[in-house]
Amino acid sequence: MEDQKKTIIQHTKELKKIVFLFIIQIIITFFISFYFSEKLINFIIYFIKIDGVVKIITLTPFEILQVRVNLSFMIAFIIGIPIILFSLYKFCKPCILEKYIKKVKFYLFLSIFLTILGLGLGTTLFSGLVIKTLMQLQIFEMMWSIKTILSFVTMISLSIALILQTIIIVPLIIELRIIKRETLTKSRGIILIIITILSAIISPPDIFSMLILVLPFYISFELGLLINRLKGGARW
């Protein structure tokens, strides 16, 4: 009984340590990101190629400060996610069966890679594509606040990062025997409708953003099925 209490206390201390290190990392990364936030904002505007085409304004004296703070917090949390995931993996590793450790590592690394890829593609490609499409429909001079621009880019980037997780979710739900691979394969039409609805929910409130998100969403679904086949996963 005493050994069990010691084990519980040790686990509690480990969890506290993980949370403490995560908070410290967030604080440090926030201040570093805030210092470089002006350059990061210019970097984002450069990649979506609207400088000189759209008049970028601030609506209040405090807006640019709020934007820099929000951007810095977002970067701090994004950088912190892999750290907390690996910390939790080390914490849970003794409870994971040996035969599943490689699989857990594979999906963990793949999830982090897909998140980084999604954020990169969302910022440099998809955001610019949507904005360019919308700009072609304008007949008046456009003035966008920097807060609106960065909120839009953030939403698109996070949406793409979330969508790419489908590549992991699909083989997982098959391997966990939640649904058969054949069922997913035969229900592509229904899946496409569900994908369209989900894209409408997570995308900014315009039809072009939704349509642009549908394509990577569906491709991610097909890649998930392909990974299950290549890994020789359960068809169930």
Protein backbone atom coordinates (compact mmCIF):
# COMPACT_ATOMS: atom_id res chain seq x y z
CA MET A 1 0.00 0.00 0.00
CA GLU A 2 2.85 2.36 0.88
CA ASP A 3 4.59 1.52 -2.40
CA GLN A 4 1.40 2.32 -4.28
CA LYS A 5 1.12 5.69 -2.49
CA LYS A 6 4.75 6.45 -3.36
CA THR A 7 4.08 5.61 -6.99
CA ILE A 8 1.04 7.92 -7.08
CA ILE A 9 3.05 10.73 -5.46
CA GLN A 10 5.89 10.20 -7.95
CA HIS A 11 3.48 10.33 -10.90
CA THR A 12 1.86 13.48 -9.49
CA LYS A 13 5.28 15.12 -9.17
CA GLU A 14 6.13 14.12 -12.75
CA LEU A 15 2.89 15.66 -14.04
CA LYS A 16 3.53 18.85 -12.09
CA LYS A 17 7.02 18.98 -13.55
CA ILE A 18 5.66 18.58 -17.09
CA VAL A 19 3.07 21.35 -16.56
CA PHE A 20 5.67 23.63 -14.95
CA LEU A 21 8.16 23.17 -17.82
CA PHE A 22 5.37 23.76 -20.34
CA ILE A 23 4.41 27.05 -18.66
CA ILE A 24 8.06 28.18 -18.52
CA GLN A 25 8.48 27.31 -22.20
CA ILE A 26 5.33 29.30 -23.08
CA ILE A 27 6.59 32.36 -21.21
CA ILE A 28 10.08 32.26 -22.72
CA THR A 29 8.82 31.59 -26.25
CA PHE A 30 6.20 34.33 -25.91
CA PHE A 31 8.78 37.02 -25.14
CA ILE A 32 11.11 35.83 -27.92
CA SER A 33 8.18 35.78 -30.39
CA PHE A 34 7.00 39.21 -29.24
CA TYR A 35 10.48 40.64 -29.86
CA PHE A 36 10.40 39.34 -33.45
CA SER A 37 6.62 39.80 -33.95
CA GLU A 38 6.95 42.86 -36.19
CA LYS A 39 9.21 40.92 -38.57
CA LEU A 40 6.85 37.93 -38.41
CA ILE A 41 3.90 40.13 -39.39
CA ASN A 42 5.84 41.54 -42.35
CA PHE A 43 6.87 37.98 -43.27
CA ILE A 44 3.22 36.83 -43.35
CA ILE A 45 2.11 39.86 -45.39
CA TYR A 46 4.96 39.21 -47.85
CA PHE A 47 3.92 35.59 -48.40
CA ILE A 48 0.24 36.30 -48.95
CA LYS A 49 1.33 39.03 -51.42
CA ILE A 50 -1.12 41.81 -50.54
CA ASP A 51 1.35 44.57 -49.72
CA GLY A 52 0.77 47.41 -52.19
CA VAL A 53 -2.48 45.86 -53.41
CA VAL A 54 -4.52 46.32 -50.23
CA LYS A 55 -4.21 49.31 -47.94
CA ILE A 56 -3.35 47.87 -44.53
CA ILE A 57 -4.56 49.96 -41.58
CA THR A 58 -4.98 49.85 -37.82
CA LEU A 59 -8.35 50.88 -36.43
CA THR A 60 -7.20 51.78 -32.91
CA PRO A 61 -3.89 52.83 -31.31
CA PHE A 62 -3.84 49.52 -29.41
CA GLU A 63 -4.60 47.20 -32.34
CA ILE A 64 -1.04 46.51 -33.43
CA LEU A 65 -0.06 45.74 -29.82
CA GLN A 66 -2.98 43.32 -29.51
CA VAL A 67 -2.01 41.67 -32.80
CA ARG A 68 1.60 41.24 -31.69
CA VAL A 69 0.52 39.77 -28.34
CA ASN A 70 -1.97 37.35 -29.96
CA LEU A 71 0.56 36.25 -32.58
CA SER A 72 3.24 35.70 -29.93
CA PHE A 73 0.92 33.60 -27.76
CA MET A 74 -0.14 31.51 -30.75
CA ILE A 75 3.49 30.81 -31.74
CA ALA A 76 4.37 29.96 -28.13
CA PHE A 77 1.54 27.40 -27.92
CA ILE A 78 2.34 25.90 -31.33
CA ILE A 79 5.98 25.39 -30.34
CA GLY A 80 4.86 24.06 -26.97
CA ILE A 81 2.56 21.38 -28.39
CA PRO A 82 5.36 18.99 -29.55
CA ILE A 83 7.17 19.50 -26.24
CA ILE A 84 4.12 18.62 -24.15
CA LEU A 85 3.27 15.67 -26.42
CA PHE A 86 6.74 14.14 -26.06
CA SER A 87 6.69 14.79 -22.32
CA LEU A 88 3.34 13.03 -22.00
CA TYR A 89 4.62 10.19 -24.19
CA LYS A 90 7.59 9.65 -21.85
CA PHE A 91 5.22 9.81 -18.89
CA CYS A 92 2.82 7.23 -20.38
CA LYS A 93 5.48 5.01 -22.00
CA PRO A 94 5.71 2.52 -19.09
CA CYS A 95 1.96 1.86 -19.50
CA ILE A 96 2.18 1.22 -23.25
CA LEU A 97 2.62 -2.36 -24.45
CA GLU A 98 5.95 -2.95 -26.17
CA LYS A 99 4.31 -3.94 -29.47
CA TYR A 100 2.48 -0.58 -29.65
CA ILE A 101 5.42 1.72 -28.84
CA LYS A 102 6.65 1.96 -32.45
CA LYS A 103 3.12 2.66 -33.66
CA VAL A 104 2.61 5.40 -31.07
CA LYS A 105 5.95 6.99 -32.02
CA PHE A 106 5.06 6.84 -35.71
CA TYR A 107 1.70 8.57 -35.26
CA LEU A 108 3.18 11.10 -32.83
CA PHE A 109 5.92 12.17 -35.22
CA LEU A 110 3.49 12.15 -38.15
CA SER A 111 1.01 14.33 -36.24
CA ILE A 112 3.69 16.92 -35.43
CA PHE A 113 4.98 16.89 -39.00
CA LEU A 114 1.46 17.33 -40.42
CA THR A 115 0.75 20.19 -38.01
CA ILE A 116 3.89 22.05 -39.09
CA LEU A 117 3.15 21.31 -42.75
CA GLY A 118 -0.45 22.50 -42.37
CA LEU A 119 0.55 25.75 -40.69
CA GLY A 120 3.17 26.39 -43.36
CA LEU A 121 0.84 25.63 -46.28
CA GLY A 122 -1.99 27.60 -44.70
CA THR A 123 0.17 30.68 -44.26
CA THR A 124 2.13 30.63 -47.51
CA LEU A 125 -0.28 29.04 -50.00
CA PHE A 126 -3.94 28.68 -49.05
CA SER A 127 -4.38 32.09 -47.37
CA GLY A 128 -2.87 33.85 -50.36
CA LEU A 129 -5.00 31.82 -52.75
CA VAL A 130 -8.25 32.76 -50.99
CA ILE A 131 -7.29 36.43 -50.67
CA LYS A 132 -6.27 36.68 -54.34
CA THR A 133 -9.59 35.13 -55.37
CA LEU A 134 -11.53 37.58 -53.21
CA MET A 135 -9.50 40.55 -54.47
CA GLN A 136 -10.47 39.78 -58.06
CA LEU A 137 -14.12 40.32 -57.14
CA GLN A 138 -13.57 43.76 -55.63
CA ILE A 139 -14.62 46.90 -57.49
CA PHE A 140 -13.63 49.43 -54.82
CA GLU A 141 -10.40 50.27 -53.07
CA MET A 142 -9.77 47.82 -50.24
CA MET A 143 -8.65 48.73 -46.74
CA TRP A 144 -8.09 45.84 -44.35
CA SER A 145 -7.06 46.12 -40.72
CA ILE A 146 -3.96 44.19 -39.76
CA LYS A 147 -6.01 42.38 -37.11
CA THR A 148 -8.52 41.15 -39.72
CA ILE A 149 -5.74 39.96 -42.04
CA LEU A 150 -3.85 38.03 -39.39
CA SER A 151 -7.05 36.57 -37.91
CA PHE A 152 -7.98 35.30 -41.38
CA VAL A 153 -4.51 33.82 -42.01
CA THR A 154 -4.51 32.21 -38.55
CA MET A 155 -7.91 30.61 -39.11
CA ILE A 156 -6.92 29.21 -42.51
CA SER A 157 -3.56 27.92 -41.22
CA LEU A 158 -5.06 26.23 -38.16
CA SER A 159 -7.83 24.76 -40.33
CA ILE A 160 -5.29 23.20 -42.72
CA ALA A 161 -3.23 21.86 -39.79
CA LEU A 162 -6.39 20.32 -38.31
CA ILE A 163 -7.54 18.91 -41.65
CA LEU A 164 -4.21 17.13 -42.24
CA GLN A 165 -4.72 15.20 -38.99
CA THR A 166 -7.32 13.22 -40.97
CA ILE A 167 -4.35 11.33 -42.42
CA ILE A 168 -3.81 9.92 -38.92
CA ILE A 169 -7.42 9.70 -37.75
CA VAL A 170 -8.61 7.50 -40.65
CA PRO A 171 -6.11 4.61 -40.16
CA LEU A 172 -6.54 4.88 -36.38
CA ILE A 173 -10.32 4.45 -36.42
CA ILE A 174 -9.84 1.45 -38.74
CA GLU A 175 -7.16 -0.16 -36.54
CA LEU A 176 -9.23 0.46 -33.42
CA ARG A 177 -12.10 -1.33 -35.17
CA ILE A 178 -14.46 1.61 -34.90
CA ILE A 179 -15.34 1.35 -38.58
CA LYS A 180 -14.38 -0.99 -41.44
CA ARG A 181 -12.11 0.18 -44.25
CA GLU A 182 -14.54 -1.22 -46.80
CA THR A 183 -17.32 0.88 -45.26
CA LEU A 184 -15.25 4.06 -45.66
CA THR A 185 -14.24 3.09 -49.20
CA LYS A 186 -17.83 2.45 -50.30
CA SER A 187 -19.15 5.61 -48.61
CA ARG A 188 -16.99 8.17 -50.41
CA GLY A 189 -20.03 10.20 -51.49
CA ILE A 190 -21.30 10.52 -47.92
CA ILE A 191 -17.76 11.25 -46.70
CA LEU A 192 -17.47 14.07 -49.25
CA ILE A 193 -20.72 15.62 -47.98
CA ILE A 194 -19.48 15.38 -44.38
CA ILE A 195 -16.15 16.92 -45.41
CA THR A 196 -17.96 19.81 -47.13
CA ILE A 197 -20.05 20.47 -44.00
CA LEU A 198 -17.01 20.35 -41.72
CA SER A 199 -15.08 22.64 -44.08
CA ALA A 200 -17.93 25.15 -43.88
CA ILE A 201 -17.78 25.02 -40.07
CA ILE A 202 -14.03 25.50 -39.62
CA SER A 203 -13.41 27.89 -42.52
CA PRO A 204 -13.78 31.69 -42.51
CA PRO A 205 -17.33 32.83 -43.47
CA ASP A 206 -16.93 32.83 -47.25
CA ILE A 207 -17.61 30.23 -49.94
CA PHE A 208 -14.10 30.35 -51.44
CA SER A 209 -12.38 29.42 -48.18
CA MET A 210 -14.76 26.50 -47.76
CA LEU A 211 -14.21 25.19 -51.29
CA ILE A 212 -10.43 25.51 -51.01
CA LEU A 213 -10.44 23.53 -47.75
CA VAL A 214 -12.55 20.69 -49.20
CA LEU A 215 -9.75 19.53 -51.55
CA PRO A 216 -6.98 18.99 -48.94
CA PHE A 217 -9.59 17.53 -46.58
CA TYR A 218 -10.65 14.86 -49.07
CA ILE A 219 -7.05 14.16 -50.15
CA SER A 220 -6.14 13.68 -46.46
CA PHE A 221 -8.98 11.15 -46.15
CA GLU A 222 -7.69 9.16 -49.14
CA LEU A 223 -4.11 9.31 -47.83
CA GLY A 224 -5.37 7.94 -44.50
CA LEU A 225 -6.88 4.94 -46.32
CA LEU A 226 -3.65 4.48 -48.28
CA ILE A 227 -1.53 4.49 -45.09
CA ASN A 228 -3.75 1.79 -43.61
CA ARG A 229 -3.27 -0.35 -46.73
CA LEU A 230 0.51 0.19 -46.93
CA LYS A 231 1.03 -0.57 -43.23
CA GLY A 232 -0.98 -3.74 -43.60
CA GLY A 233 -3.43 -2.47 -41.01
CA ALA A 234 -6.60 -4.25 -40.12
CA ARG A 235 -9.32 -4.06 -42.73
CA TRP A 236 -11.68 -5.44 -40.16
